[in-house]
């Protein structure tokens, strides 16, 4: 007798910069989320769909949990809270390499979760010596009841297959929630904006990438020659930031655009013409109306 299919939603939550987005990309097998060594790069709820024989896992990557103010950070906190309410399983991701115990803020948020919770201690490839892992695992075991506590490396893939097996076993019996060809429920414009924003993190420094948002104005497919034509606007908060993003003689903007175009051509499998412009929208992170206009309330 063929076992009933399993399907469900799994939230990836945790502190900033612990590797949630890297884990999402690893588990789904496609790069869907920004990966940066700098914290707090994920701003919205990003969904990645893993289709397996007899199972469909819908992973939800969320912004890092931390205590900060401002309209954007309040929106990010609501995104995490909504994910905890809506899913069938929660995976708390943490950085094993820093040896810190579970964050009390995160443990407090898990108090009201009535679904299974897994602890995923990431970056074990960076733990030296390996003997440090055992007391850390014991600390997590003592902090609360977890369904599983798994040491993993999202960057190398260590134990990620085991994690996936445990996730599938914990999901309810349910038919697939999305078509078997789906890898995400986000629109193509969202990933165009994320790719451009990732390059802002790569090529610019300090506050500039955090003060930047990207909106896709046009995404059109042309037949002759076959290509995608994309126009996008980079929003920043100050004229000085605009000058940095554009660079001397437009050099920085061309660098950002070239790197983004290459990734987009790999993602879409077709030639891409990408046109970027930069506009100042002062204090956009503190304005709920502007956040809605830039699409944050629609994707979280």
C-alpha atoms as a PDB file:
ATOM      1  CA  UNK A   1       0.000   0.000   0.000  1.00  0.00           C
ATOM      2  CA  UNK A   2       1.381   3.395  -0.992  1.00  0.00           C
ATOM      3  CA  UNK A   3       1.773   5.672   2.047  1.00  0.00           C
ATOM      4  CA  UNK A   4      -0.317   8.830   2.105  1.00  0.00           C
ATOM      5  CA  UNK A   5       1.499  11.937   0.839  1.00  0.00           C
ATOM      6  CA  UNK A   6       2.785  14.456   3.336  1.00  0.00           C
ATOM      7  CA  UNK A   7       2.844  18.214   2.905  1.00  0.00           C
ATOM      8  CA  UNK A   8       3.142  21.259   5.125  1.00  0.00           C
ATOM      9  CA  UNK A   9       4.778  24.556   5.983  1.00  0.00           C
ATOM     10  CA  UNK A  10       8.067  24.801   7.883  1.00  0.00           C
ATOM     11  CA  UNK A  11       9.332  28.109   9.317  1.00  0.00           C
ATOM     12  CA  UNK A  12      13.058  28.828   9.570  1.00  0.00           C
ATOM     13  CA  UNK A  13      13.523  31.306  12.426  1.00  0.00           C
ATOM     14  CA  UNK A  14      16.431  32.571  14.485  1.00  0.00           C
ATOM     15  CA  UNK A  15      18.794  35.431  15.207  1.00  0.00           C
ATOM     16  CA  UNK A  16      20.257  37.488  12.333  1.00  0.00           C
ATOM     17  CA  UNK A  17      23.192  36.019  10.427  1.00  0.00           C
ATOM     18  CA  UNK A  18      22.878  32.412  11.635  1.00  0.00           C
ATOM     19  CA  UNK A  19      22.473  30.970   8.125  1.00  0.00           C
ATOM     20  CA  UNK A  20      18.694  30.688   7.648  1.00  0.00           C
ATOM     21  CA  UNK A  21      18.824  31.825   4.037  1.00  0.00           C
ATOM     22  CA  UNK A  22      21.761  29.538   3.268  1.00  0.00           C
ATOM     23  CA  UNK A  23      19.799  26.652   4.772  1.00  0.00           C
ATOM     24  CA  UNK A  24      16.716  27.523   2.723  1.00  0.00           C
ATOM     25  CA  UNK A  25      18.765  27.524  -0.469  1.00  0.00           C
ATOM     26  CA  UNK A  26      20.431  24.238   0.508  1.00  0.00           C
ATOM     27  CA  UNK A  27      17.200  22.412   1.351  1.00  0.00           C
ATOM     28  CA  UNK A  28      15.283  23.602  -1.702  1.00  0.00           C
ATOM     29  CA  UNK A  29      18.241  23.135  -4.043  1.00  0.00           C
ATOM     30  CA  UNK A  30      17.799  26.548  -5.697  1.00  0.00           C
ATOM     31  CA  UNK A  31      19.153  29.940  -4.681  1.00  0.00           C
ATOM     32  CA  UNK A  32      16.048  31.822  -3.592  1.00  0.00           C
ATOM     33  CA  UNK A  33      17.278  34.016  -0.737  1.00  0.00           C
ATOM     34  CA  UNK A  34      20.028  36.578  -0.349  1.00  0.00           C
ATOM     35  CA  UNK A  35      23.175  35.227   1.299  1.00  0.00           C
ATOM     36  CA  UNK A  36      25.515  37.764   2.875  1.00  0.00           C
ATOM     37  CA  UNK A  37      28.057  37.710   5.729  1.00  0.00           C
ATOM     38  CA  UNK A  38      26.332  40.811   7.057  1.00  0.00           C
ATOM     39  CA  UNK A  39      23.308  40.369   9.346  1.00  0.00           C
ATOM     40  CA  UNK A  40      19.667  41.209   8.667  1.00  0.00           C
ATOM     41  CA  UNK A  41      19.653  40.813   4.887  1.00  0.00           C
ATOM     42  CA  UNK A  42      16.292  39.007   4.777  1.00  0.00           C
ATOM     43  CA  UNK A  43      13.450  41.505   5.183  1.00  0.00           C
ATOM     44  CA  UNK A  44      10.387  39.583   4.074  1.00  0.00           C
ATOM     45  CA  UNK A  45       8.914  36.109   4.169  1.00  0.00           C
ATOM     46  CA  UNK A  46      10.547  34.027   1.426  1.00  0.00           C
ATOM     47  CA  UNK A  47       8.967  30.697   0.535  1.00  0.00           C
ATOM     48  CA  UNK A  48      10.909  27.804  -0.964  1.00  0.00           C
ATOM     49  CA  UNK A  49       9.213  24.578  -2.043  1.00  0.00           C
ATOM     50  CA  UNK A  50      10.957  21.192  -1.923  1.00  0.00           C
ATOM     51  CA  UNK A  51       9.213  18.481  -3.935  1.00  0.00           C
ATOM     52  CA  UNK A  52      10.043  14.903  -2.939  1.00  0.00           C
ATOM     53  CA  UNK A  53       8.565  11.518  -3.728  1.00  0.00           C
ATOM     54  CA  UNK A  54       5.457  11.397  -1.566  1.00  0.00           C
ATOM     55  CA  UNK A  55       6.091  14.736   0.144  1.00  0.00           C
ATOM     56  CA  UNK A  56       6.116  18.474  -0.419  1.00  0.00           C
ATOM     57  CA  UNK A  57       7.878  20.726   2.091  1.00  0.00           C
ATOM     58  CA  UNK A  58       7.145  24.456   1.967  1.00  0.00           C
ATOM     59  CA  UNK A  59       9.982  26.233   3.773  1.00  0.00           C
ATOM     60  CA  UNK A  60       9.468  29.799   4.971  1.00  0.00           C
ATOM     61  CA  UNK A  61      12.609  31.867   5.554  1.00  0.00           C
ATOM     62  CA  UNK A  62      12.001  34.773   7.941  1.00  0.00           C
ATOM     63  CA  UNK A  63      13.854  37.922   9.012  1.00  0.00           C
ATOM     64  CA  UNK A  64      16.237  37.593  11.943  1.00  0.00           C
ATOM     65  CA  UNK A  65      14.650  37.978  15.375  1.00  0.00           C
ATOM     66  CA  UNK A  66      16.046  40.936  17.292  1.00  0.00           C
ATOM     67  CA  UNK A  67      14.863  43.910  19.309  1.00  0.00           C
ATOM     68  CA  UNK A  68      14.957  47.092  17.253  1.00  0.00           C
ATOM     69  CA  UNK A  69      12.542  49.878  16.405  1.00  0.00           C
ATOM     70  CA  UNK A  70      11.208  51.532  13.250  1.00  0.00           C
ATOM     71  CA  UNK A  71       8.386  50.692  10.855  1.00  0.00           C
ATOM     72  CA  UNK A  72      10.462  48.269   8.778  1.00  0.00           C
ATOM     73  CA  UNK A  73      11.657  46.334  11.835  1.00  0.00           C
ATOM     74  CA  UNK A  74       8.123  46.227  13.255  1.00  0.00           C
ATOM     75  CA  UNK A  75       6.965  44.782   9.932  1.00  0.00           C
ATOM     76  CA  UNK A  76       9.753  42.190  10.037  1.00  0.00           C
ATOM     77  CA  UNK A  77       8.755  41.191  13.585  1.00  0.00           C
ATOM     78  CA  UNK A  78       5.144  40.743  12.466  1.00  0.00           C
ATOM     79  CA  UNK A  79       6.377  38.589   9.581  1.00  0.00           C
ATOM     80  CA  UNK A  80       8.106  36.246  12.036  1.00  0.00           C
ATOM     81  CA  UNK A  81       5.061  36.142  14.345  1.00  0.00           C
ATOM     82  CA  UNK A  82       2.750  35.301  11.431  1.00  0.00           C
ATOM     83  CA  UNK A  83       5.072  32.534  10.275  1.00  0.00           C
ATOM     84  CA  UNK A  84       5.056  30.964  13.748  1.00  0.00           C
ATOM     85  CA  UNK A  85       1.249  30.955  13.701  1.00  0.00           C
ATOM     86  CA  UNK A  86       0.783  29.594  10.203  1.00  0.00           C
ATOM     87  CA  UNK A  87       3.178  26.649   9.931  1.00  0.00           C
ATOM     88  CA  UNK A  88       3.161  22.936  10.773  1.00  0.00           C
ATOM     89  CA  UNK A  89       6.751  22.856  12.066  1.00  0.00           C
ATOM     90  CA  UNK A  90       9.281  25.408  13.320  1.00  0.00           C
ATOM     91  CA  UNK A  91      13.035  25.045  12.791  1.00  0.00           C
ATOM     92  CA  UNK A  92      15.050  27.330  15.058  1.00  0.00           C
ATOM     93  CA  UNK A  93      18.394  27.942  13.365  1.00  0.00           C
ATOM     94  CA  UNK A  94      21.358  29.084  15.440  1.00  0.00           C
ATOM     95  CA  UNK A  95      25.104  29.542  15.000  1.00  0.00           C
ATOM     96  CA  UNK A  96      26.916  26.698  16.766  1.00  0.00           C
ATOM     97  CA  UNK A  97      30.319  28.251  16.113  1.00  0.00           C
ATOM     98  CA  UNK A  98      29.856  31.092  18.617  1.00  0.00           C
ATOM     99  CA  UNK A  99      28.957  28.672  21.432  1.00  0.00           C
ATOM    100  CA  UNK A 100      26.174  30.865  22.793  1.00  0.00           C
ATOM    101  CA  UNK A 101      23.176  29.336  24.605  1.00  0.00           C
ATOM    102  CA  UNK A 102      19.672  29.716  23.141  1.00  0.00           C
ATOM    103  CA  UNK A 103      18.517  33.321  22.873  1.00  0.00           C
ATOM    104  CA  UNK A 104      15.930  34.046  25.629  1.00  0.00           C
ATOM    105  CA  UNK A 105      13.978  36.283  23.224  1.00  0.00           C
ATOM    106  CA  UNK A 106      13.555  33.409  20.781  1.00  0.00           C
ATOM    107  CA  UNK A 107      12.681  30.918  23.539  1.00  0.00           C
ATOM    108  CA  UNK A 108      10.015  33.339  24.772  1.00  0.00           C
ATOM    109  CA  UNK A 109       8.492  33.567  21.292  1.00  0.00           C
ATOM    110  CA  UNK A 110       8.373  29.788  21.093  1.00  0.00           C
ATOM    111  CA  UNK A 111       6.320  29.542  24.290  1.00  0.00           C
ATOM    112  CA  UNK A 112       3.027  29.961  22.414  1.00  0.00           C
ATOM    113  CA  UNK A 113       3.973  27.661  19.509  1.00  0.00           C
ATOM    114  CA  UNK A 114       1.836  24.529  19.587  1.00  0.00           C
ATOM    115  CA  UNK A 115       3.595  22.814  16.681  1.00  0.00           C
ATOM    116  CA  UNK A 116       6.755  20.672  16.799  1.00  0.00           C
ATOM    117  CA  UNK A 117       9.984  22.685  17.117  1.00  0.00           C
ATOM    118  CA  UNK A 118      13.381  21.521  15.859  1.00  0.00           C
ATOM    119  CA  UNK A 119      16.709  23.099  16.841  1.00  0.00           C
ATOM    120  CA  UNK A 120      19.197  23.300  13.963  1.00  0.00           C
ATOM    121  CA  UNK A 121      22.679  24.193  15.221  1.00  0.00           C
ATOM    122  CA  UNK A 122      24.320  25.496  12.080  1.00  0.00           C
ATOM    123  CA  UNK A 123      27.930  26.155  11.052  1.00  0.00           C
ATOM    124  CA  UNK A 124      29.348  23.063  12.767  1.00  0.00           C
ATOM    125  CA  UNK A 125      32.133  23.118  10.166  1.00  0.00           C
ATOM    126  CA  UNK A 126      33.451  26.212  11.981  1.00  0.00           C
ATOM    127  CA  UNK A 127      33.376  24.691  15.475  1.00  0.00           C
ATOM    128  CA  UNK A 128      36.908  24.134  16.829  1.00  0.00           C
ATOM    129  CA  UNK A 129      37.541  21.821  18.605  1.00  0.00           C
ATOM    130  CA  UNK A 130      34.596  19.508  17.863  1.00  0.00           C
ATOM    131  CA  UNK A 131      34.380  18.634  21.552  1.00  0.00           C
ATOM    132  CA  UNK A 132      32.681  22.026  22.047  1.00  0.00           C
ATOM    133  CA  UNK A 133      29.556  20.647  20.358  1.00  0.00           C
ATOM    134  CA  UNK A 134      28.538  18.238  23.140  1.00  0.00           C
ATOM    135  CA  UNK A 135      28.088  20.810  25.955  1.00  0.00           C
ATOM    136  CA  UNK A 136      26.273  23.102  23.496  1.00  0.00           C
ATOM    137  CA  UNK A 137      23.848  20.308  22.587  1.00  0.00           C
ATOM    138  CA  UNK A 138      23.275  19.631  26.285  1.00  0.00           C
ATOM    139  CA  UNK A 139      22.533  23.330  26.880  1.00  0.00           C
ATOM    140  CA  UNK A 140      19.911  23.315  24.136  1.00  0.00           C
ATOM    141  CA  UNK A 141      18.377  20.091  25.453  1.00  0.00           C
ATOM    142  CA  UNK A 142      18.009  21.671  28.884  1.00  0.00           C
ATOM    143  CA  UNK A 143      16.444  24.904  27.550  1.00  0.00           C
ATOM    144  CA  UNK A 144      13.104  23.408  26.392  1.00  0.00           C
ATOM    145  CA  UNK A 145      11.583  20.334  24.786  1.00  0.00           C
ATOM    146  CA  UNK A 146      12.617  20.130  21.114  1.00  0.00           C
ATOM    147  CA  UNK A 147      11.369  17.499  18.673  1.00  0.00           C
ATOM    148  CA  UNK A 148      14.902  17.200  17.273  1.00  0.00           C
ATOM    149  CA  UNK A 149      18.244  18.870  17.948  1.00  0.00           C
ATOM    150  CA  UNK A 150      20.447  18.564  14.875  1.00  0.00           C
ATOM    151  CA  UNK A 151      23.999  19.863  14.335  1.00  0.00           C
ATOM    152  CA  UNK A 152      24.254  20.888  10.675  1.00  0.00           C
ATOM    153  CA  UNK A 153      26.295  22.854   8.152  1.00  0.00           C
ATOM    154  CA  UNK A 154      24.082  24.601   5.622  1.00  0.00           C
ATOM    155  CA  UNK A 155      27.086  25.796   3.605  1.00  0.00           C
ATOM    156  CA  UNK A 156      28.595  22.284   3.243  1.00  0.00           C
ATOM    157  CA  UNK A 157      25.401  20.257   3.518  1.00  0.00           C
ATOM    158  CA  UNK A 158      26.458  18.265   6.589  1.00  0.00           C
ATOM    159  CA  UNK A 159      23.440  16.484   8.113  1.00  0.00           C
ATOM    160  CA  UNK A 160      20.999  18.443   5.916  1.00  0.00           C
ATOM    161  CA  UNK A 161      19.620  15.232   4.394  1.00  0.00           C
ATOM    162  CA  UNK A 162      18.963  13.969   7.909  1.00  0.00           C
ATOM    163  CA  UNK A 163      17.196  17.250   8.732  1.00  0.00           C
ATOM    164  CA  UNK A 164      15.029  16.924   5.634  1.00  0.00           C
ATOM    165  CA  UNK A 165      14.076  13.357   6.568  1.00  0.00           C
ATOM    166  CA  UNK A 166      13.068  14.479  10.071  1.00  0.00           C
ATOM    167  CA  UNK A 167      11.059  17.380   8.666  1.00  0.00           C
ATOM    168  CA  UNK A 168       9.111  15.145   6.287  1.00  0.00           C
ATOM    169  CA  UNK A 169       8.370  12.650   9.071  1.00  0.00           C
ATOM    170  CA  UNK A 170       6.921  15.470  11.218  1.00  0.00           C
ATOM    171  CA  UNK A 171       4.579  16.841   8.543  1.00  0.00           C
ATOM    172  CA  UNK A 172       0.881  15.932   8.429  1.00  0.00           C
ATOM    173  CA  UNK A 173      -0.586  13.617   5.824  1.00  0.00           C
ATOM    174  CA  UNK A 174      -1.830  16.005   3.154  1.00  0.00           C
ATOM    175  CA  UNK A 175      -1.856  16.268  -0.644  1.00  0.00           C
ATOM    176  CA  UNK A 176       0.638  18.714  -2.231  1.00  0.00           C
ATOM    177  CA  UNK A 177      -0.085  22.364  -1.572  1.00  0.00           C
ATOM    178  CA  UNK A 178       1.519  23.645  -4.787  1.00  0.00           C
ATOM    179  CA  UNK A 179       2.137  22.244  -8.292  1.00  0.00           C
ATOM    180  CA  UNK A 180       5.039  19.770  -8.389  1.00  0.00           C
ATOM    181  CA  UNK A 181       7.025  22.106 -10.665  1.00  0.00           C
ATOM    182  CA  UNK A 182       6.951  25.012  -8.178  1.00  0.00           C
ATOM    183  CA  UNK A 183      10.001  26.101  -6.215  1.00  0.00           C
ATOM    184  CA  UNK A 184       8.434  29.224  -4.672  1.00  0.00           C
ATOM    185  CA  UNK A 185       5.203  31.177  -4.403  1.00  0.00           C
ATOM    186  CA  UNK A 186       6.914  34.536  -4.879  1.00  0.00           C
ATOM    187  CA  UNK A 187       6.558  36.417  -8.193  1.00  0.00           C
ATOM    188  CA  UNK A 188       9.495  36.729 -10.580  1.00  0.00           C
ATOM    189  CA  UNK A 189       9.744  40.463  -9.842  1.00  0.00           C
ATOM    190  CA  UNK A 190      10.485  39.664  -6.196  1.00  0.00           C
ATOM    191  CA  UNK A 191      13.562  37.644  -7.106  1.00  0.00           C
ATOM    192  CA  UNK A 192      14.779  40.266  -9.540  1.00  0.00           C
ATOM    193  CA  UNK A 193      14.628  42.820  -6.721  1.00  0.00           C
ATOM    194  CA  UNK A 194      16.381  40.430  -4.317  1.00  0.00           C
ATOM    195  CA  UNK A 195      19.227  39.749  -6.769  1.00  0.00           C
ATOM    196  CA  UNK A 196      19.828  43.475  -7.265  1.00  0.00           C
ATOM    197  CA  UNK A 197      19.660  44.049  -3.500  1.00  0.00           C
ATOM    198  CA  UNK A 198      22.160  41.256  -2.918  1.00  0.00           C
ATOM    199  CA  UNK A 199      24.645  43.034  -5.201  1.00  0.00           C
ATOM    200  CA  UNK A 200      24.180  46.189  -3.154  1.00  0.00           C
ATOM    201  CA  UNK A 201      25.357  44.178  -0.147  1.00  0.00           C
ATOM    202  CA  UNK A 202      28.275  42.818  -2.148  1.00  0.00           C
ATOM    203  CA  UNK A 203      29.562  46.087  -3.595  1.00  0.00           C
ATOM    204  CA  UNK A 204      28.536  48.819  -1.133  1.00  0.00           C
ATOM    205  CA  UNK A 205      29.369  49.217   2.530  1.00  0.00           C
ATOM    206  CA  UNK A 206      28.117  50.284   5.950  1.00  0.00           C
ATOM    207  CA  UNK A 207      24.548  51.651   5.961  1.00  0.00           C
ATOM    208  CA  UNK A 208      24.027  51.925   2.179  1.00  0.00           C
ATOM    209  CA  UNK A 209      22.650  48.415   1.480  1.00  0.00           C
ATOM    210  CA  UNK A 210      20.398  48.572   4.558  1.00  0.00           C
ATOM    211  CA  UNK A 211      19.032  51.936   3.424  1.00  0.00           C
ATOM    212  CA  UNK A 212      18.297  50.562  -0.063  1.00  0.00           C
ATOM    213  CA  UNK A 213      15.174  48.995  -1.535  1.00  0.00           C
ATOM    214  CA  UNK A 214      14.530  47.797  -5.066  1.00  0.00           C
ATOM    215  CA  UNK A 215      11.303  47.952  -7.061  1.00  0.00           C
ATOM    216  CA  UNK A 216      10.897  46.320 -10.468  1.00  0.00           C
ATOM    217  CA  UNK A 217       9.092  48.678 -12.831  1.00  0.00           C
ATOM    218  CA  UNK A 218       9.002  46.378 -15.854  1.00  0.00           C
ATOM    219  CA  UNK A 219       9.668  42.714 -16.582  1.00  0.00           C
ATOM    220  CA  UNK A 220       8.792  41.842 -20.164  1.00  0.00           C
ATOM    221  CA  UNK A 221       9.741  38.897 -22.379  1.00  0.00           C
ATOM    222  CA  UNK A 222      10.631  39.592 -25.997  1.00  0.00           C
ATOM    223  CA  UNK A 223      10.607  37.009 -28.750  1.00  0.00           C
ATOM    224  CA  UNK A 224      13.023  38.573 -31.251  1.00  0.00           C
ATOM    225  CA  UNK A 225      15.666  38.286 -30.026  1.00  0.00           C
ATOM    226  CA  UNK A 226      14.547  36.066 -27.117  1.00  0.00           C
ATOM    227  CA  UNK A 227      15.313  37.955 -23.901  1.00  0.00           C
ATOM    228  CA  UNK A 228      13.908  39.509 -20.757  1.00  0.00           C
ATOM    229  CA  UNK A 229      13.813  43.283 -20.511  1.00  0.00           C
ATOM    230  CA  UNK A 230      13.898  44.449 -16.903  1.00  0.00           C
ATOM    231  CA  UNK A 231      13.741  47.986 -15.536  1.00  0.00           C
ATOM    232  CA  UNK A 232      14.225  48.465 -11.807  1.00  0.00           C
ATOM    233  CA  UNK A 233      14.608  51.391  -9.426  1.00  0.00           C
ATOM    234  CA  UNK A 234      16.962  51.401  -6.442  1.00  0.00           C
ATOM    235  CA  UNK A 235      15.607  53.575  -3.620  1.00  0.00           C
ATOM    236  CA  UNK A 236      17.934  55.105  -1.037  1.00  0.00           C
ATOM    237  CA  UNK A 237      17.344  57.587   1.781  1.00  0.00           C
ATOM    238  CA  UNK A 238      19.975  60.275   1.128  1.00  0.00           C
ATOM    239  CA  UNK A 239      21.677  62.010  -1.789  1.00  0.00           C
ATOM    240  CA  UNK A 240      25.053  60.872  -0.450  1.00  0.00           C
ATOM    241  CA  UNK A 241      23.879  57.249  -0.655  1.00  0.00           C
ATOM    242  CA  UNK A 242      22.683  57.809  -4.205  1.00  0.00           C
ATOM    243  CA  UNK A 243      26.118  59.111  -5.140  1.00  0.00           C
ATOM    244  CA  UNK A 244      27.755  55.993  -3.656  1.00  0.00           C
ATOM    245  CA  UNK A 245      25.425  53.603  -5.504  1.00  0.00           C
ATOM    246  CA  UNK A 246      25.979  55.371  -8.817  1.00  0.00           C
ATOM    247  CA  UNK A 247      29.719  55.799  -8.297  1.00  0.00           C
ATOM    248  CA  UNK A 248      32.218  57.888 -10.228  1.00  0.00           C
ATOM    249  CA  UNK A 249      31.021  58.133 -13.812  1.00  0.00           C
ATOM    250  CA  UNK A 250      28.336  55.494 -13.061  1.00  0.00           C
ATOM    251  CA  UNK A 251      30.978  52.832 -12.413  1.00  0.00           C
ATOM    252  CA  UNK A 252      29.386  51.345  -9.251  1.00  0.00           C
ATOM    253  CA  UNK A 253      25.917  51.138 -10.787  1.00  0.00           C
ATOM    254  CA  UNK A 254      27.318  49.360 -13.846  1.00  0.00           C
ATOM    255  CA  UNK A 255      29.168  46.914 -11.586  1.00  0.00           C
ATOM    256  CA  UNK A 256      25.979  46.186  -9.625  1.00  0.00           C
ATOM    257  CA  UNK A 257      23.963  45.835 -12.825  1.00  0.00           C
ATOM    258  CA  UNK A 258      26.452  43.535 -14.548  1.00  0.00           C
ATOM    259  CA  UNK A 259      26.687  41.169 -11.573  1.00  0.00           C
ATOM    260  CA  UNK A 260      22.909  41.129 -11.129  1.00  0.00           C
ATOM    261  CA  UNK A 261      22.323  40.506 -14.844  1.00  0.00           C
ATOM    262  CA  UNK A 262      24.623  37.472 -14.812  1.00  0.00           C
ATOM    263  CA  UNK A 263      22.752  35.922 -11.881  1.00  0.00           C
ATOM    264  CA  UNK A 264      19.386  36.686 -13.468  1.00  0.00           C
ATOM    265  CA  UNK A 265      20.430  35.049 -16.742  1.00  0.00           C
ATOM    266  CA  UNK A 266      21.367  31.919 -14.789  1.00  0.00           C
ATOM    267  CA  UNK A 267      18.098  32.014 -12.860  1.00  0.00           C
ATOM    268  CA  UNK A 268      15.822  32.576 -15.867  1.00  0.00           C
ATOM    269  CA  UNK A 269      17.906  30.675 -18.427  1.00  0.00           C
ATOM    270  CA  UNK A 270      17.578  33.468 -20.987  1.00  0.00           C
ATOM    271  CA  UNK A 271      19.450  36.633 -21.963  1.00  0.00           C
ATOM    272  CA  UNK A 272      18.570  39.621 -19.774  1.00  0.00           C
ATOM    273  CA  UNK A 273      18.713  43.345 -20.478  1.00  0.00           C
ATOM    274  CA  UNK A 274      18.743  45.100 -17.093  1.00  0.00           C
ATOM    275  CA  UNK A 275      18.344  48.862 -16.672  1.00  0.00           C
ATOM    276  CA  UNK A 276      18.820  50.315 -13.173  1.00  0.00           C
ATOM    277  CA  UNK A 277      18.069  53.818 -11.905  1.00  0.00           C
ATOM    278  CA  UNK A 278      18.623  55.302  -8.433  1.00  0.00           C
ATOM    279  CA  UNK A 279      16.104  57.522  -6.629  1.00  0.00           C
ATOM    280  CA  UNK A 280      16.116  59.181  -3.193  1.00  0.00           C
ATOM    281  CA  UNK A 281      13.092  58.431  -0.995  1.00  0.00           C
ATOM    282  CA  UNK A 282      13.886  59.949   2.371  1.00  0.00           C
ATOM    283  CA  UNK A 283      13.275  57.845   5.512  1.00  0.00           C
ATOM    284  CA  UNK A 284      11.436  55.165   3.519  1.00  0.00           C
ATOM    285  CA  UNK A 285      12.141  52.534   6.220  1.00  0.00           C
ATOM    286  CA  UNK A 286      10.108  54.532   8.752  1.00  0.00           C
ATOM    287  CA  UNK A 287       7.077  55.146   6.539  1.00  0.00           C
ATOM    288  CA  UNK A 288       4.377  52.458   6.451  1.00  0.00           C
ATOM    289  CA  UNK A 289       2.825  53.915   3.290  1.00  0.00           C
ATOM    290  CA  UNK A 290       6.154  53.791   1.454  1.00  0.00           C
ATOM    291  CA  UNK A 291       6.804  50.250   2.704  1.00  0.00           C
ATOM    292  CA  UNK A 292       3.463  49.229   1.215  1.00  0.00           C
ATOM    293  CA  UNK A 293       4.294  50.977  -2.045  1.00  0.00           C
ATOM    294  CA  UNK A 294       7.627  49.144  -2.229  1.00  0.00           C
ATOM    295  CA  UNK A 295       5.868  45.817  -1.772  1.00  0.00           C
ATOM    296  CA  UNK A 296       6.910  44.853   1.759  1.00  0.00           C
ATOM    297  CA  UNK A 297       3.367  44.399   3.063  1.00  0.00           C
ATOM    298  CA  UNK A 298       2.472  42.289   0.027  1.00  0.00           C
ATOM    299  CA  UNK A 299       5.307  39.774   0.402  1.00  0.00           C
ATOM    300  CA  UNK A 300       5.255  39.201   4.134  1.00  0.00           C
END
